């Protein structure tokens, strides 16, 4: 089943423009390390996102979907967000098919 390219673009754009910008604003203007360490839900979400990123990368290492290797998913996730990286990575690997 092929994903609709418009849907991939919408989710990827939301991840890059909305989620990533909210995170960067928080990181540069509101971040306080001691507050972060006392926020167990925030720590749990960070751990979950990074674990999912590596789990998905491991899956794509074992089951490649195109010519772009699994480590590009990690690079794109760190550059943007997982909401940006996953649809963009899928689009990159299936755009010629």
Protein backbone atom coordinates (compact mmCIF):
# COMPACT_ATOMS: atom_id res chain seq x y z
CA UNK A 1 0.00 0.00 0.00
CA UNK A 2 1.42 3.35 -1.03
CA UNK A 3 1.10 6.32 1.27
CA UNK A 4 -0.42 9.43 -0.20
CA UNK A 5 2.43 11.87 -0.80
CA UNK A 6 0.30 14.80 0.39
CA UNK A 7 -0.32 13.12 3.75
CA UNK A 8 3.40 12.44 4.14
CA UNK A 9 4.17 16.07 3.31
CA UNK A 10 1.56 17.40 5.78
CA UNK A 11 2.82 15.27 8.69
CA UNK A 12 6.45 15.97 7.88
CA UNK A 13 5.78 19.72 7.68
CA UNK A 14 3.87 19.68 10.96
CA UNK A 15 6.77 17.92 12.62
CA UNK A 16 9.39 20.29 11.27
CA UNK A 17 7.53 23.59 11.45
CA UNK A 18 5.29 23.16 14.49
CA UNK A 19 6.72 20.54 16.84
CA UNK A 20 10.36 21.37 16.20
CA UNK A 21 9.82 25.12 16.57
CA UNK A 22 7.92 24.66 19.83
CA UNK A 23 10.75 22.51 21.13
CA UNK A 24 13.42 24.99 20.04
CA UNK A 25 11.53 27.89 21.64
CA UNK A 26 11.29 25.95 24.89
CA UNK A 27 14.94 24.92 24.69
CA UNK A 28 16.29 28.44 24.17
CA UNK A 29 13.89 30.57 26.21
CA UNK A 30 12.24 28.46 28.91
CA UNK A 31 14.53 25.52 29.62
CA UNK A 32 15.75 25.06 33.17
CA UNK A 33 17.68 21.86 33.84
CA UNK A 34 16.61 21.52 37.48
CA UNK A 35 12.93 21.92 36.50
CA UNK A 36 13.41 19.34 33.78
CA UNK A 37 14.95 16.82 36.18
CA UNK A 38 12.01 17.21 38.55
CA UNK A 39 9.50 16.58 35.73
CA UNK A 40 9.23 12.80 35.57
CA UNK A 41 6.69 12.87 32.74
CA UNK A 42 9.03 15.00 30.65
CA UNK A 43 11.93 12.64 31.28
CA UNK A 44 9.74 9.63 30.44
CA UNK A 45 8.65 11.22 27.15
CA UNK A 46 12.25 12.01 26.17
CA UNK A 47 13.32 8.44 26.94
CA UNK A 48 10.34 7.04 25.04
CA UNK A 49 10.97 9.14 21.92
CA UNK A 50 14.67 8.28 21.80
CA UNK A 51 13.93 4.58 22.39
CA UNK A 52 11.32 4.58 19.62
CA UNK A 53 13.73 6.36 17.29
CA UNK A 54 16.37 3.66 17.83
CA UNK A 55 13.79 0.87 17.63
CA UNK A 56 12.50 2.15 14.29
CA UNK A 57 16.06 2.58 13.02
CA UNK A 58 16.84 -1.00 14.02
CA UNK A 59 13.72 -2.18 12.20
CA UNK A 60 14.72 -0.31 9.04
CA UNK A 61 18.25 -1.70 9.34
CA UNK A 62 16.83 -5.24 9.30
CA UNK A 63 14.09 -4.45 6.73
CA UNK A 64 15.32 -1.66 4.41
CA UNK A 65 12.64 0.12 2.41
CA UNK A 66 14.91 1.92 -0.04
CA UNK A 67 18.38 3.13 -0.82
CA UNK A 68 18.68 5.52 2.13
CA UNK A 69 20.13 3.69 5.12
CA UNK A 70 18.61 3.41 8.58
CA UNK A 71 20.94 5.98 10.15
CA UNK A 72 19.26 8.72 8.13
CA UNK A 73 16.17 8.23 10.27
CA UNK A 74 18.26 9.01 13.37
CA UNK A 75 19.85 12.05 11.72
CA UNK A 76 16.47 13.40 10.58
CA UNK A 77 14.96 12.75 14.02
CA UNK A 78 17.67 14.71 15.75
CA UNK A 79 17.44 17.50 13.18
CA UNK A 80 13.67 17.78 13.47
CA UNK A 81 11.38 15.51 15.34
CA UNK A 82 10.15 11.96 14.93
CA UNK A 83 6.94 13.38 13.43
CA UNK A 84 9.10 15.05 10.78
CA UNK A 85 11.64 12.26 10.33
CA UNK A 86 9.45 9.19 9.86
CA UNK A 87 7.22 10.47 7.01
CA UNK A 88 10.19 12.21 5.34
CA UNK A 89 12.36 9.08 5.58
CA UNK A 90 9.54 7.00 4.10
CA UNK A 91 9.04 9.54 1.31
CA UNK A 92 12.78 9.62 0.53
CA UNK A 93 12.92 5.86 0.19
CA UNK A 94 9.76 5.42 -1.87
CA UNK A 95 9.68 8.50 -4.11
CA UNK A 96 11.04 6.75 -7.23
CA UNK A 97 8.67 3.79 -6.99
